[in-house]
Amino acid sequence: MPASDRVAGPSGASAAPGSSAVPESRTGPGSRPGPGNDPVPAGNAMPGNAAGRPGRPGRAEARGAAAGGARLRLPPVRLAPREELAGAARVAPLLRAARDLARWASGGRHFAVPGEMSAAEAAAAAEALELAQREVEAAFRVAVATGMLAALGSSRASADRTEVLSAGDAEEVLTAWDSALAAILTAEDLDGLATALYTVGGPVRMDGLFDAYAAAAGTRRREDAGEPASAGRAPEPDETAAVSHALETLADLAVVELGTDESAGGLTVALSPLGVWGVHRRLRAQGWHVPVLGGTDRNGAAGLLVTLASCDAEDGEAEIAAWLEQREPAHAAAELIDAAATGSPGLRGAAFAVLDRIGAAAAEAVRAALAEPVLRAHAAVWLHEHGEEAELRPEDRTWLLVDLGAGLLEEADPRDVVAELLPELPGDAQAEIVAGLWQVSHPGVTDLLTALSDHHPDPAVARAARKAAFKARSPAGNSPSS
């Protein structure tokens, strides 16, 4: 399947192309399943992607936010050890500035309005602490959010909170830093920008962040002012300054790392390991699927399969190897079968691809899967490929074709699915296959037929798909007289 952008984030920032993490032991696109296709097709082999790695859905996932309707899948991340994260938080300049401000405020000073700093108070603190006024304002928000300044910004400092950076354990430090992150992202309207950086998963050029920031904050402000939001417009000076100040604040909290890269066109920005940890927590709390590399063992086979859907090849191979290393082969096979039985079509394809890694030791579990309607066709093909006897009926072939297509559509651009799914047969033979797919009892058949009707380049095949989709939607289409 053609290479595609890894992910286009909610704010429009795209990651570099990547290839899916698929075990490379499946047969390639030349053995696609289809009725009457002999020899026995590699039924668990998804159409090959650009990297030539069949085995599960290709990773066309999202063409960018501008494409509309993109399926968003956040990339897996590797979280640093807690002590390392806490060490980075302890020396974050903004957290230290908040501590110093709390200490300064506790020396008999009183804020005129609890929870707020006047311009005069901010100026006095800036002079005493040798900070810019903008830094003082950010430090004040952090001091209040972390409890370093008690009573919502009164002059009373909480001694235990103030000394957390030096005396607190790793969990206490990270809790304080996480509160600081929430305060800064909320106050500065930076959630979208942080999510975009997380989505990209690596350094990006400064100018590439403008659209993300504008989508998260600038556009909203323009709309609030009654001005139209125009995509792709050049940043105005005040908006450029706002992005610059926002990144400085995030860097002061150790959320991002600024760097230079000539190949990327100059100044770049990326989430730090601490920033990845913090944004990961926020996204997970908001209900996002946020896979973590190295953490699949905690979530069994389902966790492994979901993580693989977002991995590149190298990370995926490492995840599979680590997961299998912790299990007896027969037990691993049973886990994979259980996960496949309750998972989506894409996860079913991934499960049987991983079962290839186990080999003969998985045969007993796979044979038992013949009794599961959603696994029967996958299991029969897997057994054939591994020298075992299993009945593979024509209706199994057509069901498998639909299941593989449905798995691809979970993540891939429909145009790519259409280009790679059907057997390499003449157009009239493809049309004959498609015309009969409406009879397949599969929840994804209508979506697949719709994709074929919308995107197949052969008019005869597209027409057959439209007719079959109509029959699949029609109650009468499934009657014996139809």
Protein backbone atom coordinates (compact mmCIF):
# COMPACT_ATOMS: atom_id res chain seq x y z
CA MET A 1 0.00 0.00 0.00
CA PRO A 2 1.36 3.42 -0.84
CA ALA A 3 3.31 5.14 1.86
CA SER A 4 1.34 7.74 3.70
CA ASP A 5 1.65 10.31 6.39
CA ARG A 6 1.98 8.72 9.76
CA VAL A 7 -0.66 10.84 11.40
CA ALA A 8 -2.17 14.21 10.85
CA GLY A 9 -2.93 15.58 14.25
CA PRO A 10 -6.05 17.35 15.42
CA SER A 11 -4.41 20.66 14.70
CA GLY A 12 -3.07 19.79 11.31
CA ALA A 13 0.59 19.01 11.97
CA SER A 14 1.70 15.92 10.07
CA ALA A 15 4.35 13.43 10.97
CA ALA A 16 6.87 12.01 8.60
CA PRO A 17 5.88 8.96 6.60
CA GLY A 18 6.36 5.63 8.34
CA SER A 19 5.73 2.01 7.61
CA SER A 20 3.57 -0.32 9.58
CA ALA A 21 4.93 -2.86 11.99
CA VAL A 22 3.84 -6.07 10.38
CA PRO A 23 5.56 -9.41 10.71
CA GLU A 24 7.13 -10.09 7.33
CA SER A 25 6.30 -13.76 7.17
CA ARG A 26 3.02 -13.46 5.29
CA THR A 27 2.79 -13.78 1.58
CA GLY A 28 2.65 -10.64 -0.49
CA PRO A 29 0.00 -8.94 -2.57
CA GLY A 30 0.31 -11.52 -5.33
CA SER A 31 -1.67 -13.99 -3.21
CA ARG A 32 -4.70 -11.95 -2.36
CA PRO A 33 -7.80 -13.83 -1.31
CA GLY A 34 -10.71 -14.11 -3.63
CA PRO A 35 -13.30 -16.59 -4.77
CA GLY A 36 -11.83 -19.22 -7.02
CA ASN A 37 -8.29 -18.05 -6.37
CA ASP A 38 -5.98 -21.06 -6.34
CA PRO A 39 -3.73 -22.09 -4.81
CA VAL A 40 -5.09 -21.33 -1.37
CA PRO A 41 -4.62 -17.58 -0.85
CA ALA A 42 -2.67 -16.19 2.06
CA GLY A 43 -5.86 -15.35 3.80
CA ASN A 44 -4.34 -13.48 6.69
CA ALA A 45 -2.08 -11.46 4.46
CA MET A 46 -3.20 -7.93 4.08
CA PRO A 47 -2.36 -6.28 0.77
CA GLY A 48 1.27 -5.23 0.87
CA ASN A 49 2.09 -1.70 1.92
CA ALA A 50 4.86 0.45 0.54
CA ALA A 51 7.37 -1.34 2.70
CA GLY A 52 6.22 -4.70 1.40
CA ARG A 53 4.95 -5.76 4.80
CA PRO A 54 1.64 -7.54 4.46
CA GLY A 55 -0.09 -9.03 7.45
CA ARG A 56 -2.52 -6.39 8.64
CA PRO A 57 -4.04 -3.11 7.58
CA GLY A 58 -1.77 -0.69 5.81
CA ARG A 59 -1.12 2.60 7.49
CA ALA A 60 -2.75 5.18 5.33
CA GLU A 61 -4.52 6.24 8.54
CA ALA A 62 -4.82 9.92 7.84
CA ARG A 63 -4.09 12.15 4.91
CA GLY A 64 -4.00 15.23 7.04
CA ALA A 65 -6.61 17.24 8.85
CA ALA A 66 -7.22 19.20 5.68
CA ALA A 67 -8.40 16.05 3.92
CA GLY A 68 -11.42 15.82 6.20
CA GLY A 69 -12.68 12.67 7.86
CA ALA A 70 -9.17 11.46 8.60
CA ARG A 71 -8.95 8.61 11.06
CA LEU A 72 -6.81 9.87 13.89
CA ARG A 73 -4.47 7.44 15.55
CA LEU A 74 -1.82 8.75 17.86
CA PRO A 75 1.63 7.22 17.53
CA PRO A 76 2.93 4.92 20.25
CA VAL A 77 5.45 6.48 22.60
CA ARG A 78 8.11 5.19 24.93
CA LEU A 79 7.80 6.69 28.41
CA ALA A 80 10.98 7.46 30.31
CA PRO A 81 11.53 6.02 33.82
CA ARG A 82 9.80 7.91 36.63
CA GLU A 83 13.02 8.93 38.37
CA GLU A 84 14.37 10.36 35.13
CA LEU A 85 11.16 12.31 34.58
CA ALA A 86 11.17 13.61 38.14
CA GLY A 87 14.80 14.68 37.75
CA ALA A 88 13.87 16.77 34.71
CA ALA A 89 10.92 18.31 36.57
CA ARG A 90 13.06 19.29 39.55
CA VAL A 91 15.24 21.53 37.41
CA ALA A 92 12.48 22.98 35.19
CA PRO A 93 13.08 26.76 35.29
CA LEU A 94 9.39 27.64 35.53
CA LEU A 95 8.75 25.28 38.42
CA ARG A 96 11.75 26.73 40.23
CA ALA A 97 10.54 30.26 39.50
CA ALA A 98 7.18 29.34 41.03
CA ARG A 99 8.96 28.09 44.15
CA ASP A 100 11.03 31.28 44.38
CA LEU A 101 7.93 33.43 43.91
CA ALA A 102 6.14 31.55 46.70
CA ARG A 103 9.11 32.07 49.00
CA TRP A 104 9.25 35.76 48.10
CA ALA A 105 5.52 36.19 48.69
CA SER A 106 5.72 34.51 52.07
CA GLY A 107 7.97 37.25 53.41
CA GLY A 108 5.16 39.41 54.71
CA ARG A 109 3.82 40.46 51.30
CA HIS A 110 0.12 40.46 50.50
CA PHE A 111 -1.62 40.40 47.15
CA ALA A 112 -4.41 42.91 46.84
CA VAL A 113 -6.73 40.35 45.20
CA PRO A 114 -6.34 36.65 46.16
CA GLY A 115 -5.71 34.59 43.07
CA GLU A 116 -4.45 37.54 41.05
CA MET A 117 -1.37 39.72 40.77
CA SER A 118 -1.60 43.38 40.00
CA ALA A 119 0.81 44.98 37.58
CA ALA A 120 2.62 46.64 40.46
CA GLU A 121 2.92 43.35 42.36
CA ALA A 122 4.19 41.57 39.26
CA ALA A 123 6.72 44.33 38.65
CA ALA A 124 7.97 44.12 42.24
CA ALA A 125 8.32 40.34 42.02
CA ALA A 126 10.07 40.60 38.65
CA GLU A 127 12.62 43.03 40.06
CA ALA A 128 13.21 40.98 43.20
CA LEU A 129 13.54 37.67 41.40
CA GLU A 130 15.25 39.00 38.26
CA LEU A 131 12.53 37.66 36.00
CA ALA A 132 10.65 39.14 33.07
CA GLN A 133 7.10 40.15 33.87
CA ARG A 134 5.77 37.44 31.55
CA GLU A 135 7.82 34.88 33.48
CA VAL A 136 6.44 36.16 36.78
CA GLU A 137 2.87 35.82 35.52
CA ALA A 138 3.50 32.23 34.44
CA ALA A 139 5.27 31.45 37.72
CA PHE A 140 2.33 32.85 39.67
CA ARG A 141 -0.12 30.58 37.84
CA VAL A 142 2.12 27.59 38.51
CA ALA A 143 2.60 28.51 42.18
CA VAL A 144 -1.16 28.68 42.68
CA ALA A 145 -1.86 25.49 40.67
CA THR A 146 0.70 23.46 42.60
CA GLY A 147 -0.31 24.78 46.00
CA MET A 148 3.00 26.54 46.57
CA LEU A 149 0.91 29.63 47.11
CA ALA A 150 -1.95 28.61 49.38
CA ALA A 151 -5.45 30.10 49.50
CA LEU A 152 -5.54 30.73 45.78
CA GLY A 153 -2.74 33.19 45.60
CA SER A 154 -2.62 34.68 49.04
CA SER A 155 0.81 35.63 50.32
CA ARG A 156 0.92 32.46 52.44
CA ALA A 157 3.23 29.83 51.05
CA SER A 158 2.66 26.15 51.77
CA ALA A 159 6.00 25.01 53.17
CA ASP A 160 5.65 21.37 52.16
CA ARG A 161 4.61 22.28 48.62
CA THR A 162 7.31 24.93 48.29
CA GLU A 163 10.03 22.44 49.10
CA VAL A 164 8.69 19.62 46.94
CA LEU A 165 11.43 20.09 44.35
CA SER A 166 14.18 19.43 46.85
CA ALA A 167 12.45 17.23 49.43
CA GLY A 168 9.63 15.47 47.57
CA ASP A 169 9.83 11.98 46.13
CA ALA A 170 9.45 11.30 42.42
CA GLU A 171 5.67 10.95 42.56
CA GLU A 172 5.23 14.20 44.51
CA VAL A 173 7.46 16.08 42.07
CA LEU A 174 5.64 14.69 39.05
CA THR A 175 2.26 15.51 40.60
CA ALA A 176 3.36 19.11 41.09
CA TRP A 177 4.74 19.32 37.55
CA ASP A 178 1.57 17.82 36.10
CA SER A 179 -0.51 20.47 37.89
CA ALA A 180 1.80 23.12 36.48
CA LEU A 181 1.39 21.72 32.97
CA ALA A 182 -2.40 21.79 33.24
CA ALA A 183 -2.33 25.40 34.43
CA ILE A 184 -0.07 26.58 31.61
CA LEU A 185 -1.85 24.71 28.82
CA THR A 186 -5.23 25.98 30.00
CA ALA A 187 -4.18 29.59 30.61
CA GLU A 188 -2.26 29.91 27.34
CA ASP A 189 -4.68 27.91 25.19
CA LEU A 190 -1.94 25.46 24.25
CA ASP A 191 -3.70 22.10 24.42
CA GLY A 192 -3.96 21.91 20.64
CA LEU A 193 -0.34 22.78 20.15
CA ALA A 194 0.81 20.20 22.69
CA THR A 195 -1.39 17.53 21.08
CA ALA A 196 -0.01 18.38 17.64
CA LEU A 197 3.55 17.96 18.88
CA TYR A 198 2.62 14.64 20.49
CA THR A 199 0.99 13.48 17.28
CA VAL A 200 4.01 14.28 15.18
CA GLY A 201 6.28 12.32 17.48
CA GLY A 202 9.48 14.15 16.56
CA PRO A 203 11.07 17.54 15.86
CA VAL A 204 9.14 19.84 13.56
CA ARG A 205 9.98 23.16 12.00
CA MET A 206 8.82 26.26 13.78
CA ASP A 207 6.77 27.48 10.84
CA GLY A 208 4.94 24.15 10.79
CA LEU A 209 3.54 24.92 14.23
CA PHE A 210 1.75 28.08 13.22
CA ASP A 211 -1.31 26.33 11.78
CA ALA A 212 -1.52 24.14 14.86
CA TYR A 213 -1.40 27.11 17.18
CA ALA A 214 -3.84 29.09 15.05
CA ALA A 215 -6.28 26.19 15.06
CA ALA A 216 -6.03 25.84 18.81
CA ALA A 217 -6.07 29.48 19.83
CA GLY A 218 -5.54 32.11 17.15
CA THR A 219 -8.47 31.11 14.95
CA ARG A 220 -10.74 31.02 17.97
CA ARG A 221 -9.75 34.52 18.91
CA ARG A 222 -10.33 35.77 15.35
CA GLU A 223 -13.77 34.15 15.28
CA ASP A 224 -14.58 35.64 18.67
CA ALA A 225 -13.74 39.00 17.18
CA GLY A 226 -16.09 38.38 14.26
CA GLU A 227 -13.32 37.82 11.71
CA PRO A 228 -13.33 34.89 9.30
CA ALA A 229 -10.84 32.10 9.93
CA SER A 230 -8.73 31.53 6.83
CA ALA A 231 -6.67 28.39 6.55
CA GLY A 232 -3.17 28.68 5.19
CA ARG A 233 -2.89 32.44 5.70
CA ALA A 234 0.42 33.98 6.63
CA PRO A 235 0.87 34.53 10.37
CA GLU A 236 0.45 38.04 11.63
CA PRO A 237 3.29 39.53 13.70
CA ASP A 238 1.37 39.31 16.97
CA GLU A 239 0.51 35.66 16.30
CA THR A 240 4.11 34.81 15.49
CA ALA A 241 5.12 36.46 18.76
CA ALA A 242 2.41 34.51 20.59
CA VAL A 243 3.76 31.19 19.26
CA SER A 244 7.28 32.21 20.23
CA HIS A 245 6.23 33.19 23.75
CA ALA A 246 4.19 30.00 24.12
CA LEU A 247 7.16 27.85 23.17
CA GLU A 248 9.40 29.73 25.56
CA THR A 249 6.95 29.07 28.38
CA LEU A 250 6.70 25.40 27.47
CA ALA A 251 10.48 25.17 27.30
CA ASP A 252 10.76 26.80 30.74
CA LEU A 253 8.52 24.06 32.10
CA ALA A 254 10.64 21.44 30.30
CA VAL A 255 7.68 20.43 28.13
CA VAL A 256 9.47 21.02 24.84
CA GLU A 257 13.02 21.00 23.57
CA LEU A 258 14.14 23.61 21.05
CA GLY A 259 16.86 22.78 18.60
CA THR A 260 18.28 23.53 15.19
CA ASP A 261 18.35 21.24 12.21
CA GLU A 262 19.61 22.43 8.86
CA SER A 263 17.82 19.63 7.03
CA ALA A 264 14.54 20.67 8.68
CA GLY A 265 15.06 24.30 7.75
CA GLY A 266 16.35 25.86 10.96
CA LEU A 267 14.77 26.03 14.38
CA THR A 268 12.81 22.95 15.45
CA VAL A 269 10.71 22.02 18.44
CA ALA A 270 9.75 18.64 19.93
CA LEU A 271 8.21 17.39 23.12
CA SER A 272 10.77 16.44 25.74
CA PRO A 273 10.49 13.04 27.44
CA LEU A 274 8.79 14.88 30.33
CA GLY A 275 6.46 16.60 27.88
CA VAL A 276 5.58 13.28 26.25
CA TRP A 277 4.70 11.86 29.66
CA GLY A 278 2.55 14.85 30.60
CA VAL A 279 0.66 15.12 27.32
CA HIS A 280 0.18 11.35 27.28
CA ARG A 281 -1.54 11.57 30.66
CA ARG A 282 -3.81 14.35 29.47
CA LEU A 283 -4.78 12.62 26.25
CA ARG A 284 -5.49 9.38 28.06
CA ALA A 285 -7.71 11.22 30.54
CA GLN A 286 -9.59 12.73 27.58
CA GLY A 287 -10.35 9.26 26.21
CA TRP A 288 -7.75 9.06 23.45
CA HIS A 289 -6.11 5.78 22.56
CA VAL A 290 -2.47 6.49 23.46
CA PRO A 291 -0.38 3.32 23.06
CA VAL A 292 2.89 2.98 24.96
CA LEU A 293 5.79 0.99 23.63
CA GLY A 294 7.08 -1.54 26.09
CA GLY A 295 3.77 -1.60 27.94
CA THR A 296 1.90 -4.20 25.92
CA ASP A 297 2.64 -6.99 28.39
CA ARG A 298 0.39 -5.32 30.94
CA ASN A 299 -2.58 -5.44 28.60
CA GLY A 300 -2.20 -8.92 27.16
CA ALA A 301 -2.62 -9.78 23.52
CA ALA A 302 -5.19 -7.03 22.93
CA GLY A 303 -2.70 -4.43 24.11
CA LEU A 304 -0.04 -5.84 21.80
CA LEU A 305 -2.32 -5.84 18.76
CA VAL A 306 -3.57 -2.30 19.34
CA THR A 307 -0.02 -1.03 19.81
CA LEU A 308 1.16 -2.74 16.63
CA ALA A 309 -1.44 -0.80 14.67
CA SER A 310 0.54 2.38 15.32
CA CYS A 311 4.12 1.08 15.29
CA ASP A 312 6.68 1.35 12.57
CA ALA A 313 8.36 -1.89 11.57
CA GLU A 314 11.34 -1.71 13.91
CA ASP A 315 9.31 -0.87 17.01
CA GLY A 316 6.70 -3.46 16.10
CA GLU A 317 9.23 -6.24 15.80
CA ALA A 318 10.64 -5.29 19.20
CA GLU A 319 7.17 -5.28 20.77
CA ILE A 320 6.32 -8.70 19.35
CA ALA A 321 9.62 -10.21 20.46
CA ALA A 322 9.32 -8.78 23.98
CA TRP A 323 5.70 -9.93 24.32
CA LEU A 324 6.41 -13.48 23.13
CA GLU A 325 9.47 -13.75 25.34
CA GLN A 326 7.26 -13.45 28.43
CA ARG A 327 4.97 -16.35 27.48
CA GLU A 328 4.97 -20.01 26.67
CA PRO A 329 4.17 -20.41 22.95
CA ALA A 330 0.90 -22.26 23.49
CA HIS A 331 -0.27 -19.72 26.07
CA ALA A 332 0.65 -16.82 23.76
CA ALA A 333 -1.31 -18.44 20.93
CA ALA A 334 -4.38 -18.87 23.13
CA GLU A 335 -4.19 -15.21 24.18
CA LEU A 336 -3.94 -14.07 20.57
CA ILE A 337 -6.92 -16.20 19.53
CA ASP A 338 -9.02 -14.81 22.39
CA ALA A 339 -8.10 -11.24 21.44
CA ALA A 340 -8.84 -11.88 17.77
CA ALA A 341 -12.25 -13.36 18.57
CA THR A 342 -13.40 -10.18 20.29
CA GLY A 343 -11.38 -7.65 18.28
CA SER A 344 -11.95 -5.68 15.12
CA PRO A 345 -11.15 -7.02 11.64
CA GLY A 346 -7.82 -5.22 11.70
CA LEU A 347 -6.87 -6.84 14.99
CA ARG A 348 -7.84 -10.25 13.65
CA GLY A 349 -5.41 -9.87 10.77
CA ALA A 350 -2.69 -8.70 13.14
CA ALA A 351 -3.29 -11.61 15.52
CA PHE A 352 -2.83 -14.25 12.84
CA ALA A 353 0.27 -12.49 11.57
CA VAL A 354 1.78 -12.66 15.06
CA LEU A 355 0.75 -16.31 15.30
CA ASP A 356 3.18 -16.91 12.44
CA ARG A 357 5.95 -16.03 14.86
CA ILE A 358 4.88 -18.86 17.12
CA GLY A 359 4.59 -21.42 14.35
CA ALA A 360 3.71 -25.06 14.98
CA ALA A 361 3.17 -24.51 18.70
CA ALA A 362 0.15 -22.37 17.82
CA ALA A 363 -1.55 -25.03 15.69
CA GLU A 364 -3.76 -26.42 18.45
CA ALA A 365 -5.11 -22.99 19.40
CA VAL A 366 -5.65 -22.08 15.74
CA ARG A 367 -7.48 -25.32 15.07
CA ALA A 368 -9.80 -24.57 17.99
CA ALA A 369 -10.49 -21.19 16.36
CA LEU A 370 -12.19 -22.98 13.45
CA ALA A 371 -15.25 -23.11 15.69
CA GLU A 372 -15.37 -19.29 15.95
CA PRO A 373 -17.36 -17.84 13.02
CA VAL A 374 -15.27 -14.67 12.77
CA LEU A 375 -12.00 -16.62 12.92
CA ARG A 376 -12.85 -19.69 10.85
CA ALA A 377 -11.56 -18.43 7.52
CA HIS A 378 -8.41 -16.91 9.03
CA ALA A 379 -7.71 -20.12 10.93
CA ALA A 380 -8.28 -22.37 7.92
CA VAL A 381 -5.84 -20.41 5.78
CA TRP A 382 -3.29 -20.27 8.60
CA LEU A 383 -3.45 -24.05 9.00
CA HIS A 384 -3.04 -24.59 5.26
CA GLU A 385 0.01 -22.34 5.25
CA HIS A 386 1.54 -24.36 8.07
CA GLY A 387 0.98 -27.76 6.48
CA GLU A 388 -2.18 -28.66 8.42
CA GLU A 389 -5.43 -30.00 7.00
CA ALA A 390 -8.44 -27.69 7.16
CA GLU A 391 -11.49 -27.20 4.98
CA LEU A 392 -11.51 -23.90 3.11
CA ARG A 393 -14.91 -23.34 1.53
CA PRO A 394 -15.71 -20.80 -1.21
CA GLU A 395 -17.84 -18.83 1.25
CA ASP A 396 -14.82 -18.68 3.58
CA ARG A 397 -12.83 -17.02 0.82
CA THR A 398 -15.42 -14.33 0.19
CA TRP A 399 -15.96 -13.69 3.91
CA LEU A 400 -12.21 -13.37 4.34
CA LEU A 401 -11.98 -10.89 1.47
CA VAL A 402 -14.59 -8.71 3.17
CA ASP A 403 -12.97 -9.06 6.58
CA LEU A 404 -9.57 -8.07 5.21
CA GLY A 405 -11.11 -5.10 3.44
CA ALA A 406 -12.91 -4.03 6.59
CA GLY A 407 -9.65 -4.26 8.50
CA LEU A 408 -7.93 -2.04 5.98
CA LEU A 409 -10.72 0.51 6.10
CA GLU A 410 -10.26 0.89 9.84
CA GLU A 411 -7.10 2.84 9.16
CA ALA A 412 -6.41 3.22 5.47
CA ASP A 413 -7.54 5.67 2.86
CA PRO A 414 -10.38 3.96 0.94
CA ARG A 415 -8.59 4.69 -2.35
CA ASP A 416 -5.61 2.67 -1.18
CA VAL A 417 -7.82 -0.18 -0.02
CA VAL A 418 -9.54 -0.34 -3.40
CA ALA A 419 -6.21 -0.23 -5.24
CA GLU A 420 -4.75 -3.18 -3.34
CA LEU A 421 -7.56 -5.43 -2.08
CA LEU A 422 -8.96 -7.33 -5.06
CA PRO A 423 -7.13 -10.19 -6.79
CA GLU A 424 -5.06 -9.26 -9.84
CA LEU A 425 -7.71 -10.38 -12.32
CA PRO A 426 -9.28 -8.79 -15.41
CA GLY A 427 -11.98 -6.21 -14.74
CA ASP A 428 -14.89 -8.49 -15.64
CA ALA A 429 -13.63 -11.15 -13.22
CA GLN A 430 -13.26 -8.53 -10.47
CA ALA A 431 -16.78 -7.28 -11.19
CA GLU A 432 -18.10 -10.84 -10.83
CA ILE A 433 -16.44 -11.19 -7.43
CA VAL A 434 -17.74 -7.84 -6.23
CA ALA A 435 -21.27 -8.51 -7.48
CA GLY A 436 -21.61 -11.43 -5.08
CA LEU A 437 -20.17 -9.81 -1.98
CA TRP A 438 -23.57 -8.54 -0.83
CA GLN A 439 -24.38 -12.11 0.22
CA VAL A 440 -21.52 -12.15 2.76
CA SER A 441 -22.82 -11.89 6.31
CA HIS A 442 -20.31 -9.38 7.60
CA PRO A 443 -20.98 -6.03 9.32
CA GLY A 444 -18.36 -4.30 7.18
CA VAL A 445 -19.62 -5.45 3.78
CA THR A 446 -21.65 -2.31 2.99
CA ASP A 447 -18.78 0.04 3.82
CA LEU A 448 -16.42 -2.01 1.68
CA LEU A 449 -18.80 -2.08 -1.26
CA THR A 450 -19.32 1.66 -0.93
CA ALA A 451 -15.56 2.23 -1.04
CA LEU A 452 -15.31 0.05 -4.14
CA SER A 453 -18.17 1.87 -5.85
CA ASP A 454 -16.68 5.27 -5.05
CA HIS A 455 -13.05 4.59 -5.90
CA HIS A 456 -12.57 1.63 -8.22
CA PRO A 457 -11.16 2.91 -11.53
CA ASP A 458 -12.99 0.31 -13.65
CA PRO A 459 -16.57 1.53 -14.28
CA ALA A 460 -17.88 -2.03 -14.52
CA VAL A 461 -16.45 -2.96 -11.12
CA ALA A 462 -17.70 0.28 -9.55
CA ARG A 463 -21.16 -0.33 -11.02
CA ALA A 464 -21.21 -3.90 -9.68
CA ALA A 465 -20.22 -2.58 -6.25
CA ARG A 466 -23.03 0.00 -6.26
CA LYS A 467 -25.60 -2.65 -7.11
CA ALA A 468 -24.23 -5.04 -4.50
CA ALA A 469 -24.20 -2.28 -1.86
CA PHE A 470 -27.86 -1.55 -2.61
CA LYS A 471 -28.70 -5.24 -2.17
CA ALA A 472 -26.70 -5.41 1.07
CA ARG A 473 -28.64 -2.45 2.48
CA SER A 474 -32.02 -3.74 1.31
CA PRO A 475 -33.91 -6.17 3.55
CA ALA A 476 -35.32 -7.73 0.39
CA GLY A 477 -31.80 -8.29 -0.91
CA ASN A 478 -31.27 -11.12 1.52
CA SER A 479 -34.49 -12.96 0.73
CA PRO A 480 -34.35 -16.25 -1.19
CA SER A 481 -36.23 -14.72 -4.13
CA SER A 482 -33.79 -11.88 -4.66
